[in-house]
Amino acid sequence: MASEPIVYVIDDDDGVRGSLEFLLDCAGLRVRGFASADAFLKASPPLDGACVVTDVRMPGTTGIELLEALHARGGAPAVIVVTGHADVPLAIQAMKAGAVDFIEKPFDDEVILSAIRRAISDRAADADARAERNAIAGRIATLSTRERQIMDRLVEGQANKAIAFDLGISARTVEVYRANAMMKMQARTLSDLVRMATIARVGGV
């Protein structure tokens, strides 16, 4: 993920776009403006950690079509839709298409700033969680079949002796495999192992 997030402002209204760029710049946020969704898609700027603020109704590619295009590319950024009062039904449609928020024009500076900061923070948290899931999945992939069997039983609450009986091996052998699994998973305690296994299961690992 980029170390410093960026906000892309997409609006065919030069005045609205310029004032929002100025507001974000003054707030200490990196910002880059585009006069249309088509220009944004053509430029194909980096999206890691980004937030897109887009008008919903524009000539050419609309805000909703932009959302669909970003999702089709994968790794879609957080998207906030800005809309006029008459376009609220479109904005709701955009939310269903994956937008994280919509804000009606004219908007208060603090309202848009809060929405952008929240979107960036939430997306960063999502990225951190995704990175942790990937790291755990990578560790699980290093386990042998027996180590995985023992880990699965440990996180289900089975004692070493019960695992040994279940698998037809000695309790001492279970202890050896358990130690190996803990080391490979980088788990200092059984609770660490349970937490990792839970995260992995939620992620379908």
Protein backbone atom coordinates (compact mmCIF):
# COMPACT_ATOMS: atom_id res chain seq x y z
CA MET A 1 0.00 0.00 0.00
CA ALA A 2 1.20 3.52 -0.76
CA SER A 3 2.73 5.18 2.33
CA GLU A 4 0.74 8.37 1.72
CA PRO A 5 -2.85 8.11 0.45
CA ILE A 6 -4.07 10.19 -2.46
CA VAL A 7 -7.53 11.53 -3.28
CA TYR A 8 -8.68 11.65 -6.91
CA VAL A 9 -11.38 14.23 -7.60
CA ILE A 10 -13.42 13.54 -10.72
CA ASP A 11 -15.95 16.21 -11.74
CA ASP A 12 -16.71 17.91 -15.05
CA ASP A 13 -17.54 21.14 -13.17
CA ASP A 14 -14.23 23.02 -13.09
CA GLY A 15 -15.34 25.21 -10.18
CA VAL A 16 -16.42 22.32 -7.97
CA ARG A 17 -13.34 20.30 -8.83
CA GLY A 18 -10.97 23.20 -8.25
CA SER A 19 -12.47 24.19 -4.90
CA LEU A 20 -12.40 20.60 -3.64
CA GLU A 21 -8.79 20.18 -4.75
CA PHE A 22 -7.90 23.39 -2.88
CA LEU A 23 -9.75 22.24 0.25
CA LEU A 24 -7.98 18.87 0.28
CA ASP A 25 -4.59 20.42 -0.40
CA CYS A 26 -5.09 22.82 2.54
CA ALA A 27 -6.07 19.85 4.70
CA GLY A 28 -2.72 18.22 3.97
CA LEU A 29 -4.04 15.51 1.64
CA ARG A 30 -2.46 14.61 -1.68
CA VAL A 31 -4.96 15.33 -4.42
CA ARG A 32 -5.21 15.05 -8.20
CA GLY A 33 -8.17 16.19 -10.29
CA PHE A 34 -9.74 14.85 -13.48
CA ALA A 35 -12.39 16.53 -15.63
CA SER A 36 -14.04 13.22 -16.51
CA ALA A 37 -14.16 9.56 -15.58
CA ASP A 38 -12.87 8.77 -19.07
CA ALA A 39 -9.75 10.90 -18.44
CA PHE A 40 -9.23 9.16 -15.08
CA LEU A 41 -9.54 5.68 -16.58
CA LYS A 42 -7.23 6.61 -19.45
CA ALA A 43 -4.58 7.94 -17.04
CA SER A 44 -4.92 4.73 -14.94
CA PRO A 45 -3.28 6.26 -11.83
CA PRO A 46 -2.13 4.12 -8.87
CA LEU A 47 -5.09 3.01 -6.74
CA ASP A 48 -3.43 1.47 -3.67
CA GLY A 49 -4.68 3.32 -0.61
CA ALA A 50 -6.51 5.85 -2.79
CA CYS A 51 -9.89 7.49 -2.35
CA VAL A 52 -11.94 8.57 -5.38
CA VAL A 53 -14.45 11.41 -5.08
CA THR A 54 -16.59 11.44 -8.20
CA ASP A 55 -19.68 13.17 -9.49
CA VAL A 56 -22.38 10.66 -10.33
CA ARG A 57 -23.65 12.36 -13.48
CA MET A 58 -20.99 13.33 -16.04
CA PRO A 59 -20.64 13.37 -19.83
CA GLY A 60 -19.21 10.10 -21.11
CA THR A 61 -18.59 7.50 -18.42
CA THR A 62 -20.86 8.10 -15.44
CA GLY A 63 -19.94 7.69 -11.79
CA ILE A 64 -21.72 4.33 -11.66
CA GLU A 65 -19.98 3.10 -14.80
CA LEU A 66 -16.69 4.23 -13.26
CA LEU A 67 -17.39 2.12 -10.17
CA GLU A 68 -18.11 -0.90 -12.35
CA ALA A 69 -14.91 -0.34 -14.34
CA LEU A 70 -12.80 -0.04 -11.18
CA HIS A 71 -14.24 -3.23 -9.70
CA ALA A 72 -13.62 -5.04 -12.99
CA ARG A 73 -9.94 -4.05 -12.76
CA GLY A 74 -9.69 -5.41 -9.20
CA GLY A 75 -8.33 -3.72 -6.10
CA ALA A 76 -10.93 -0.95 -6.30
CA PRO A 77 -10.26 2.13 -4.14
CA ALA A 78 -12.77 3.67 -1.75
CA VAL A 79 -15.24 5.69 -3.83
CA ILE A 80 -17.35 8.59 -2.55
CA VAL A 81 -20.09 9.80 -4.86
CA VAL A 82 -21.00 13.49 -4.94
CA THR A 83 -24.48 14.20 -6.22
CA GLY A 84 -27.06 16.89 -6.81
CA HIS A 85 -30.41 16.56 -5.02
CA ALA A 86 -32.13 15.24 -8.15
CA ASP A 87 -29.51 12.51 -8.50
CA VAL A 88 -30.01 10.87 -5.10
CA PRO A 89 -31.59 7.71 -6.63
CA LEU A 90 -28.48 7.41 -8.81
CA ALA A 91 -26.28 7.87 -5.76
CA ILE A 92 -28.11 5.07 -3.97
CA GLN A 93 -27.57 2.91 -7.05
CA ALA A 94 -23.86 3.80 -6.83
CA MET A 95 -23.78 2.70 -3.18
CA LYS A 96 -25.19 -0.66 -4.23
CA ALA A 97 -22.43 -0.82 -6.86
CA GLY A 98 -19.76 -0.41 -4.19
CA ALA A 99 -19.46 3.28 -3.30
CA VAL A 100 -18.66 3.80 0.39
CA ASP A 101 -20.65 7.04 0.77
CA PHE A 102 -22.56 9.70 -1.10
CA ILE A 103 -22.74 13.39 -0.34
CA GLU A 104 -25.21 15.90 -1.71
CA LYS A 105 -24.16 19.20 -3.26
CA PRO A 106 -23.64 21.79 -1.95
CA PHE A 107 -21.66 20.10 0.79
CA ASP A 108 -20.03 21.40 3.95
CA ASP A 109 -16.23 21.31 3.94
CA GLU A 110 -16.02 19.30 7.16
CA VAL A 111 -18.59 16.79 5.93
CA ILE A 112 -16.60 15.94 2.80
CA LEU A 113 -13.27 15.97 4.67
CA SER A 114 -14.61 13.64 7.36
CA ALA A 115 -16.03 11.27 4.75
CA ILE A 116 -12.73 11.16 2.86
CA ARG A 117 -10.62 10.60 5.97
CA ARG A 118 -12.98 7.85 7.15
CA ALA A 119 -12.85 6.16 3.74
CA ILE A 120 -9.04 6.27 3.68
CA SER A 121 -8.80 4.94 7.25
CA ASP A 122 -11.28 2.12 6.61
CA ARG A 123 -9.53 1.12 3.40
CA ALA A 124 -6.14 1.10 5.15
CA ALA A 125 -7.58 -1.16 7.86
CA ASP A 126 -8.97 -3.46 5.16
CA ALA A 127 -5.57 -3.60 3.48
CA ASP A 128 -3.85 -4.43 6.78
CA ALA A 129 -6.35 -7.22 7.48
CA ARG A 130 -5.90 -8.59 3.95
CA ALA A 131 -2.11 -8.56 4.36
CA GLU A 132 -2.41 -10.45 7.64
CA ARG A 133 -4.71 -13.06 6.06
CA ASN A 134 -2.24 -13.53 3.21
CA ALA A 135 0.67 -13.89 5.65
CA ILE A 136 -1.22 -16.49 7.69
CA ALA A 137 -2.21 -18.39 4.55
CA GLY A 138 1.44 -18.44 3.53
CA ARG A 139 2.45 -19.92 6.89
CA ILE A 140 -0.30 -22.55 6.75
CA ALA A 141 0.97 -23.60 3.31
CA THR A 142 4.30 -24.54 4.92
CA LEU A 143 2.68 -27.03 7.31
CA SER A 144 2.88 -30.72 6.61
CA THR A 145 -0.37 -32.69 6.42
CA ARG A 146 0.18 -34.02 9.95
CA GLU A 147 1.04 -30.58 11.35
CA ARG A 148 -2.14 -29.17 9.80
CA GLN A 149 -4.20 -32.03 11.26
CA ILE A 150 -2.81 -31.35 14.71
CA MET A 151 -3.23 -27.58 14.43
CA ASP A 152 -6.87 -27.99 13.40
CA ARG A 153 -7.53 -30.21 16.40
CA LEU A 154 -5.68 -27.91 18.79
CA VAL A 155 -7.79 -24.91 17.78
CA GLU A 156 -10.91 -27.03 18.29
CA GLY A 157 -9.85 -27.43 21.92
CA GLN A 158 -8.62 -31.03 21.86
CA ALA A 159 -5.91 -32.03 24.35
CA ASN A 160 -2.69 -33.70 23.20
CA LYS A 161 -3.81 -37.12 24.45
CA ALA A 162 -7.14 -36.86 22.62
CA ILE A 163 -5.34 -35.85 19.42
CA ALA A 164 -2.92 -38.75 19.82
CA PHE A 165 -5.80 -41.21 20.21
CA ASP A 166 -7.68 -39.68 17.28
CA LEU A 167 -4.68 -39.91 14.94
CA GLY A 168 -3.25 -43.17 16.27
CA ILE A 169 0.09 -41.70 17.31
CA SER A 170 1.82 -41.13 20.64
CA ALA A 171 1.26 -38.04 22.78
CA ARG A 172 5.00 -37.32 22.51
CA THR A 173 4.72 -37.31 18.70
CA VAL A 174 1.79 -34.89 18.97
CA GLU A 175 3.97 -32.59 21.09
CA VAL A 176 6.70 -32.62 18.43
CA TYR A 177 4.27 -31.81 15.61
CA ARG A 178 2.59 -29.19 17.78
CA ALA A 179 5.91 -27.46 18.44
CA ASN A 180 6.75 -27.53 14.72
CA ALA A 181 3.34 -26.09 13.80
CA MET A 182 3.66 -23.33 16.40
CA MET A 183 7.10 -22.43 15.09
CA LYS A 184 6.01 -22.36 11.43
CA MET A 185 2.90 -20.32 12.27
CA GLN A 186 5.01 -17.92 14.37
CA ALA A 187 2.57 -18.42 17.24
CA ARG A 188 3.98 -17.78 20.71
CA THR A 189 0.93 -19.16 22.52
CA LEU A 190 -2.01 -21.42 21.81
CA SER A 191 -4.27 -18.35 21.79
CA ASP A 192 -2.10 -16.88 18.99
CA LEU A 193 -2.61 -20.08 17.02
CA VAL A 194 -6.38 -20.03 17.59
CA ARG A 195 -6.60 -16.40 16.43
CA MET A 196 -4.60 -17.14 13.25
CA ALA A 197 -6.66 -20.23 12.47
CA THR A 198 -9.87 -18.23 12.94
CA ILE A 199 -8.65 -15.51 10.56
CA ALA A 200 -7.66 -18.18 8.04
CA ARG A 201 -11.07 -19.85 8.20
CA VAL A 202 -12.88 -16.54 7.69
CA GLY A 203 -10.66 -16.01 4.63
CA GLY A 204 -11.44 -19.49 3.35
CA VAL A 205 -7.96 -20.92 3.90
